C-alpha atoms as a PDB file:
ATOM      1  CA  TYR A   1     -30.571  27.506 -16.256  1.00  0.00           C
ATOM      2  CA  ALA A   2     -27.118  27.910 -16.190  1.00  0.00           C
ATOM      3  CA  GLY A   3     -24.940  28.621 -12.965  1.00  0.00           C
ATOM      4  CA  GLY A   4     -21.414  28.194 -11.333  1.00  0.00           C
ATOM      5  CA  TYR A   5     -18.361  30.200 -11.218  1.00  0.00           C
ATOM      6  CA  ASP A   6     -17.891  29.456 -15.141  1.00  0.00           C
ATOM      7  CA  VAL A   7     -21.443  31.728 -15.696  1.00  0.00           C
ATOM      8  CA  GLN A   8     -20.426  34.378 -13.400  1.00  0.00           C
ATOM      9  CA  ILE A   9     -17.041  34.737 -15.275  1.00  0.00           C
ATOM     10  CA  ALA A  10     -18.623  34.918 -18.624  1.00  0.00           C
ATOM     11  CA  LYS A  11     -21.334  37.438 -17.468  1.00  0.00           C
ATOM     12  CA  LYS A  12     -18.256  39.754 -15.564  1.00  0.00           C
ATOM     13  CA  SER A  13     -16.258  39.488 -18.750  1.00  0.00           C
ATOM     14  CA  ALA A  14     -19.252  40.574 -21.022  1.00  0.00           C
ATOM     15  CA  ASP A  15     -20.228  43.484 -18.628  1.00  0.00           C
ATOM     16  CA  GLY A  16     -16.549  44.442 -18.797  1.00  0.00           C
ATOM     17  CA  LEU A  17     -16.653  44.245 -22.797  1.00  0.00           C
ATOM     18  CA  ASN A  18     -20.232  46.258 -22.595  1.00  0.00           C
ATOM     19  CA  ARG A  19     -21.704  42.935 -24.779  1.00  0.00           C
ATOM     20  CA  ARG A  20     -24.693  41.099 -24.646  1.00  0.00           C
ATOM     21  CA  LEU A  21     -24.073  37.730 -22.930  1.00  0.00           C
ATOM     22  CA  VAL A  22     -25.954  34.736 -24.577  1.00  0.00           C
ATOM     23  CA  ILE A  23     -25.257  31.265 -23.011  1.00  0.00           C
ATOM     24  CA  LYS A  24     -25.835  28.405 -25.124  1.00  0.00           C
ATOM     25  CA  GLN A  25     -25.798  24.652 -23.642  1.00  0.00           C
ATOM     26  CA  VAL A  26     -23.487  22.688 -25.659  1.00  0.00           C
ATOM     27  CA  ASP A  27     -22.169  18.986 -24.782  1.00  0.00           C
ATOM     28  CA  TRP A  28     -18.805  18.793 -23.402  1.00  0.00           C
ATOM     29  CA  ASP A  29     -17.521  16.852 -26.270  1.00  0.00           C
ATOM     30  CA  GLY A  30     -19.160  19.440 -28.665  1.00  0.00           C
ATOM     31  CA  LEU A  31     -17.555  22.431 -27.065  1.00  0.00           C
ATOM     32  CA  ILE A  32     -14.502  22.577 -29.349  1.00  0.00           C
ATOM     33  CA  PRO A  33     -15.962  22.082 -32.504  1.00  0.00           C
ATOM     34  CA  SER A  34     -18.778  24.598 -31.835  1.00  0.00           C
ATOM     35  CA  VAL A  35     -15.930  27.236 -30.979  1.00  0.00           C
ATOM     36  CA  GLN A  36     -13.980  26.174 -34.167  1.00  0.00           C
ATOM     37  CA  ASN A  37     -17.208  26.451 -36.560  1.00  0.00           C
ATOM     38  CA  GLY A  38     -18.575  29.634 -35.115  1.00  0.00           C
ATOM     39  CA  LEU A  39     -21.316  28.520 -33.520  1.00  0.00           C
ATOM     40  CA  ILE A  40     -20.230  29.911 -30.343  1.00  0.00           C
ATOM     41  CA  ASP A  41     -17.454  32.602 -29.430  1.00  0.00           C
ATOM     42  CA  LEU A  42     -16.131  31.515 -26.263  1.00  0.00           C
ATOM     43  CA  ILE A  43     -15.854  28.398 -24.066  1.00  0.00           C
ATOM     44  CA  ILE A  44     -16.596  29.734 -20.395  1.00  0.00           C
ATOM     45  CA  ALA A  45     -16.803  25.856 -19.254  1.00  0.00           C
ATOM     46  CA  GLY A  46     -14.109  24.862 -16.527  1.00  0.00           C
ATOM     47  CA  MET A  47     -11.938  23.898 -19.543  1.00  0.00           C
ATOM     48  CA  SER A  48      -8.290  23.391 -18.805  1.00  0.00           C
ATOM     49  CA  PRO A  49      -5.708  24.669 -21.461  1.00  0.00           C
ATOM     50  CA  THR A  50      -4.073  21.097 -22.322  1.00  0.00           C
ATOM     51  CA  ASP A  51      -1.493  20.799 -24.878  1.00  0.00           C
ATOM     52  CA  GLU A  52      -3.927  18.452 -26.770  1.00  0.00           C
ATOM     53  CA  ARG A  53      -6.734  21.385 -26.733  1.00  0.00           C
ATOM     54  CA  LYS A  54      -3.969  24.042 -27.631  1.00  0.00           C
ATOM     55  CA  LEU A  55      -3.585  22.032 -30.900  1.00  0.00           C
ATOM     56  CA  ASP A  56      -7.107  22.970 -31.871  1.00  0.00           C
ATOM     57  CA  ILE A  57      -8.022  26.320 -30.254  1.00  0.00           C
ATOM     58  CA  ASP A  58      -6.448  29.119 -28.176  1.00  0.00           C
ATOM     59  CA  PHE A  59      -6.839  29.835 -24.760  1.00  0.00           C
ATOM     60  CA  THR A  60      -6.978  33.110 -22.567  1.00  0.00           C
ATOM     61  CA  ASN A  61      -4.609  33.401 -19.415  1.00  0.00           C
ATOM     62  CA  ALA A  62      -6.284  31.083 -16.412  1.00  0.00           C
ATOM     63  CA  TYR A  63      -8.790  32.864 -14.648  1.00  0.00           C
ATOM     64  CA  TYR A  64      -9.041  29.959 -12.119  1.00  0.00           C
ATOM     65  CA  THR A  65      -6.863  27.300 -10.315  1.00  0.00           C
ATOM     66  CA  SER A  66      -8.743  24.399  -9.513  1.00  0.00           C
ATOM     67  CA  GLU A  67      -8.412  22.202  -6.446  1.00  0.00           C
ATOM     68  CA  HIS A  68      -9.612  18.392  -7.822  1.00  0.00           C
ATOM     69  CA  VAL A  69     -11.992  16.830  -4.693  1.00  0.00           C
ATOM     70  CA  VAL A  70     -14.053  13.511  -4.483  1.00  0.00           C
ATOM     71  CA  LEU A  71     -18.017  13.990  -4.554  1.00  0.00           C
ATOM     72  CA  ILE A  72     -19.722  10.764  -2.788  1.00  0.00           C
ATOM     73  CA  SER A  73     -22.763  10.086  -1.093  1.00  0.00           C
ATOM     74  CA  THR A  74     -23.091  10.423   2.697  1.00  0.00           C
ATOM     75  CA  THR A  75     -24.293   6.957   2.747  1.00  0.00           C
ATOM     76  CA  SER A  76     -21.300   5.279   1.129  1.00  0.00           C
ATOM     77  CA  ALA A  77     -18.696   3.037   3.005  1.00  0.00           C
ATOM     78  CA  TYR A  78     -16.346   5.344   1.786  1.00  0.00           C
ATOM     79  CA  ALA A  79     -17.641   8.837   3.010  1.00  0.00           C
ATOM     80  CA  ASN A  80     -14.794   9.369   5.851  1.00  0.00           C
ATOM     81  CA  VAL A  81     -11.887   8.645   3.505  1.00  0.00           C
ATOM     82  CA  THR A  82      -9.096  10.865   4.279  1.00  0.00           C
ATOM     83  CA  SER A  83      -6.272   9.808   1.499  1.00  0.00           C
ATOM     84  CA  VAL A  84      -6.738   8.600  -2.117  1.00  0.00           C
ATOM     85  CA  SER A  85      -5.371   5.553  -1.454  1.00  0.00           C
ATOM     86  CA  GLY A  86      -8.539   5.137   1.287  1.00  0.00           C
ATOM     87  CA  PHE A  87     -10.490   4.227  -1.911  1.00  0.00           C
ATOM     88  CA  ALA A  88      -9.814   0.515  -2.346  1.00  0.00           C
ATOM     89  CA  GLY A  89     -12.829  -1.507  -4.085  1.00  0.00           C
ATOM     90  CA  ALA A  90     -14.610   1.685  -4.605  1.00  0.00           C
ATOM     91  CA  THR A  91     -15.716   2.446  -7.938  1.00  0.00           C
ATOM     92  CA  PHE A  92     -15.332   5.940  -9.534  1.00  0.00           C
ATOM     93  CA  ILE A  93     -16.408   7.382 -12.697  1.00  0.00           C
ATOM     94  CA  GLY A  94     -15.824  10.726 -14.388  1.00  0.00           C
ATOM     95  CA  GLN A  95     -17.419  12.747 -17.148  1.00  0.00           C
ATOM     96  CA  THR A  96     -16.307  11.740 -20.633  1.00  0.00           C
ATOM     97  CA  GLY A  97     -13.300  13.545 -22.394  1.00  0.00           C
ATOM     98  CA  THR A  98     -12.232  15.930 -19.019  1.00  0.00           C
ATOM     99  CA  LEU A  99      -9.657  16.164 -16.711  1.00  0.00           C
ATOM    100  CA  TYR A 100     -11.924  14.247 -14.183  1.00  0.00           C
ATOM    101  CA  ALA A 101     -12.537  11.179 -16.226  1.00  0.00           C
ATOM    102  CA  SER A 102      -8.054  11.229 -16.364  1.00  0.00           C
ATOM    103  CA  ILE A 103      -7.877  11.725 -12.863  1.00  0.00           C
ATOM    104  CA  VAL A 104     -10.301   8.703 -12.140  1.00  0.00           C
ATOM    105  CA  ALA A 105      -8.679   6.533 -15.115  1.00  0.00           C
ATOM    106  CA  ALA A 106      -5.041   6.933 -13.446  1.00  0.00           C
ATOM    107  CA  MET A 107      -6.171   6.172 -10.052  1.00  0.00           C
ATOM    108  CA  ASP A 108      -4.619   3.288  -8.246  1.00  0.00           C
ATOM    109  CA  SER A 109      -5.810  -0.499  -9.953  1.00  0.00           C
ATOM    110  CA  SER A 110      -7.740  -1.325  -6.411  1.00  0.00           C
ATOM    111  CA  VAL A 111      -9.978   1.319  -7.793  1.00  0.00           C
ATOM    112  CA  ASN A 112     -12.599   0.391 -10.052  1.00  0.00           C
ATOM    113  CA  LYS A 113     -13.482   2.095 -13.026  1.00  0.00           C
ATOM    114  CA  GLY A 114     -17.083   2.124 -14.184  1.00  0.00           C
ATOM    115  CA  VAL A 115     -18.302   3.534 -17.502  1.00  0.00           C
ATOM    116  CA  ASP A 116     -17.728   7.462 -17.739  1.00  0.00           C
ATOM    117  CA  LYS A 117     -20.870   9.620 -18.259  1.00  0.00           C
ATOM    118  CA  ALA A 118     -21.212  12.088 -20.927  1.00  0.00           C
ATOM    119  CA  THR A 119     -22.929  14.900 -18.362  1.00  0.00           C
ATOM    120  CA  VAL A 120     -22.090  15.416 -14.441  1.00  0.00           C
ATOM    121  CA  PRO A 121     -25.813  15.026 -13.927  1.00  0.00           C
ATOM    122  CA  GLU A 122     -25.940  11.651 -15.121  1.00  0.00           C
ATOM    123  CA  ILE A 123     -22.686  10.789 -12.736  1.00  0.00           C
ATOM    124  CA  VAL A 124     -24.598  12.489  -9.943  1.00  0.00           C
ATOM    125  CA  ALA A 125     -27.628  10.255 -10.537  1.00  0.00           C
ATOM    126  CA  ASP A 126     -25.040   6.873 -10.795  1.00  0.00           C
ATOM    127  CA  ILE A 127     -23.763   8.051  -7.295  1.00  0.00           C
ATOM    128  CA  GLN A 128     -27.312   8.706  -5.601  1.00  0.00           C
ATOM    129  CA  ALA A 129     -28.270   5.229  -6.986  1.00  0.00           C
ATOM    130  CA  GLY A 130     -25.513   3.498  -5.147  1.00  0.00           C
ATOM    131  CA  ILE A 131     -24.387   2.215  -8.800  1.00  0.00           C
ATOM    132  CA  VAL A 132     -21.017   4.171  -8.519  1.00  0.00           C
ATOM    133  CA  ASP A 133     -19.453   5.777  -5.361  1.00  0.00           C
ATOM    134  CA  GLY A 134     -17.957   8.544  -6.289  1.00  0.00           C
ATOM    135  CA  THR A 135     -16.216  10.767  -8.780  1.00  0.00           C
ATOM    136  CA  VAL A 136     -13.527  13.468  -8.914  1.00  0.00           C
ATOM    137  CA  LEU A 137     -14.870  17.482  -9.829  1.00  0.00           C
ATOM    138  CA  GLU A 138     -13.264  20.560  -9.461  1.00  0.00           C
ATOM    139  CA  LEU A 139     -14.313  22.206  -5.762  1.00  0.00           C
ATOM    140  CA  PRO A 140     -16.799  25.039  -7.138  1.00  0.00           C
ATOM    141  CA  VAL A 141     -18.566  22.415  -8.927  1.00  0.00           C
ATOM    142  CA  ALA A 142     -18.756  19.970  -6.471  1.00  0.00           C
ATOM    143  CA  THR A 143     -19.902  22.514  -3.727  1.00  0.00           C
ATOM    144  CA  GLY A 144     -22.646  23.575  -5.794  1.00  0.00           C
ATOM    145  CA  LEU A 145     -23.570  19.895  -6.211  1.00  0.00           C
ATOM    146  CA  ALA A 146     -23.458  19.471  -2.793  1.00  0.00           C
ATOM    147  CA  ALA A 147     -25.383  22.081  -1.480  1.00  0.00           C
ATOM    148  CA  ALA A 148     -28.101  21.234  -4.114  1.00  0.00           C
ATOM    149  CA  ASN A 149     -28.085  17.502  -2.410  1.00  0.00           C
ATOM    150  CA  SER A 150     -28.321  16.787   1.223  1.00  0.00           C
ATOM    151  CA  ASP A 151     -27.336  13.286   0.145  1.00  0.00           C
ATOM    152  CA  LEU A 152     -23.946  14.220  -1.354  1.00  0.00           C
ATOM    153  CA  LYS A 153     -20.675  15.409   0.297  1.00  0.00           C
ATOM    154  CA  ILE A 154     -17.442  16.667  -0.507  1.00  0.00           C
ATOM    155  CA  ILE A 155     -13.817  14.655   0.227  1.00  0.00           C
ATOM    156  CA  GLN A 156     -10.778  17.456   0.351  1.00  0.00           C
ATOM    157  CA  PHE A 157      -7.804  16.521   0.462  1.00  0.00           C
ATOM    158  CA  ALA A 158      -4.735  17.766   2.828  1.00  0.00           C
ATOM    159  CA  GLU A 159      -1.798  18.177   1.120  1.00  0.00           C
ATOM    160  CA  GLY A 160      -0.215  15.141  -0.446  1.00  0.00           C
ATOM    161  CA  GLN A 161      -2.891  12.895   0.064  1.00  0.00           C
ATOM    162  CA  GLY A 162      -4.888  13.850  -3.266  1.00  0.00           C
ATOM    163  CA  PHE A 163      -5.024  13.038  -6.326  1.00  0.00           C
ATOM    164  CA  THR A 164      -1.025  13.430  -8.046  1.00  0.00           C
ATOM    165  CA  GLN A 165      -1.620  11.673 -11.428  1.00  0.00           C
ATOM    166  CA  LEU A 166      -3.565  11.299 -14.515  1.00  0.00           C
ATOM    167  CA  ALA A 167      -4.313   9.392 -18.003  1.00  0.00           C
ATOM    168  CA  ASP A 168      -2.624  10.645 -21.008  1.00  0.00           C
ATOM    169  CA  THR A 169      -1.135   9.986 -24.313  1.00  0.00           C
ATOM    170  CA  ASP A 170       2.307  10.675 -25.601  1.00  0.00           C
ATOM    171  CA  GLU A 171       3.554  12.142 -28.129  1.00  0.00           C
ATOM    172  CA  GLU A 172       3.353   9.154 -30.065  1.00  0.00           C
ATOM    173  CA  GLY A 173       0.401   8.883 -29.094  1.00  0.00           C
ATOM    174  CA  ASN A 174       0.633   6.100 -26.580  1.00  0.00           C
ATOM    175  CA  SER A 175      -1.451   6.056 -23.291  1.00  0.00           C
ATOM    176  CA  ILE A 176       0.612   6.697 -20.508  1.00  0.00           C
ATOM    177  CA  ILE A 177       0.146   7.720 -16.863  1.00  0.00           C
ATOM    178  CA  ARG A 178       1.657  10.936 -15.873  1.00  0.00           C
ATOM    179  CA  ASP A 179       1.983  13.646 -12.784  1.00  0.00           C
ATOM    180  CA  ILE A 180      -0.657  16.141 -12.291  1.00  0.00           C
ATOM    181  CA  VAL A 181       1.000  19.863 -13.133  1.00  0.00           C
ATOM    182  CA  ALA A 182       0.182  23.065 -12.049  1.00  0.00           C
ATOM    183  CA  SER A 183      -1.350  24.021 -15.507  1.00  0.00           C
ATOM    184  CA  ASP A 184      -3.369  20.506 -15.249  1.00  0.00           C
ATOM    185  CA  ARG A 185      -5.012  22.546 -12.481  1.00  0.00           C
ATOM    186  CA  ASP A 186      -5.642  26.121 -14.618  1.00  0.00           C
ATOM    187  CA  VAL A 187      -8.989  26.954 -16.055  1.00  0.00           C
ATOM    188  CA  ALA A 188      -9.182  29.243 -19.086  1.00  0.00           C
ATOM    189  CA  ILE A 189     -11.704  30.903 -21.939  1.00  0.00           C
ATOM    190  CA  GLY A 190     -11.174  28.993 -25.355  1.00  0.00           C
ATOM    191  CA  ILE A 191     -11.331  30.695 -28.487  1.00  0.00           C
ATOM    192  CA  ALA A 192     -11.120  29.712 -31.977  1.00  0.00           C
ATOM    193  CA  LYS A 193      -7.192  29.615 -33.473  1.00  0.00           C
ATOM    194  CA  ASN A 194      -5.803  33.077 -34.429  1.00  0.00           C
ATOM    195  CA  ARG A 195      -9.192  35.029 -33.593  1.00  0.00           C
ATOM    196  CA  THR A 196      -8.654  38.422 -33.054  1.00  0.00           C
ATOM    197  CA  THR A 197     -11.719  39.810 -32.182  1.00  0.00           C
END
């Protein structure tokens, strides 16, 4: 099964190009190598066109601007938090290799960081089991999960109360914390370098 807003973008793109759509399930860490090696033609998976990723693949113009939210258990002690600063003492994890994990890594030191997971379903299982309190996701992903799991809820933040920083590396490869910029919220289609067709 494949669903979500990225699949809808893929379907509309295929229809517009009069192409047959074949969806392949690839682990997040395998997406860029798969498009580089020709195993897949496009990455349509909520990927932000970061400077680091642009070294390896090209991107289309953004097709979506994301909003980063928290997915949390409805019974969590943090279920009614209205600001990122309210998560002191909570345990968060992200999805390995994603902007979500970078945002979690940059959360205040009063927030405990668990071990990131490879997939969102693994993260959801940890939230539901009470192993962690929450995670950071894009709103459409969180919306689908909350709709399918009545024990989960989304926390959206008012202007100035949400996420403002993420963990990154500088030009020398040093770990840094930097401000989230508009392009970090962009989502685009990834394609192989210099591909013309």
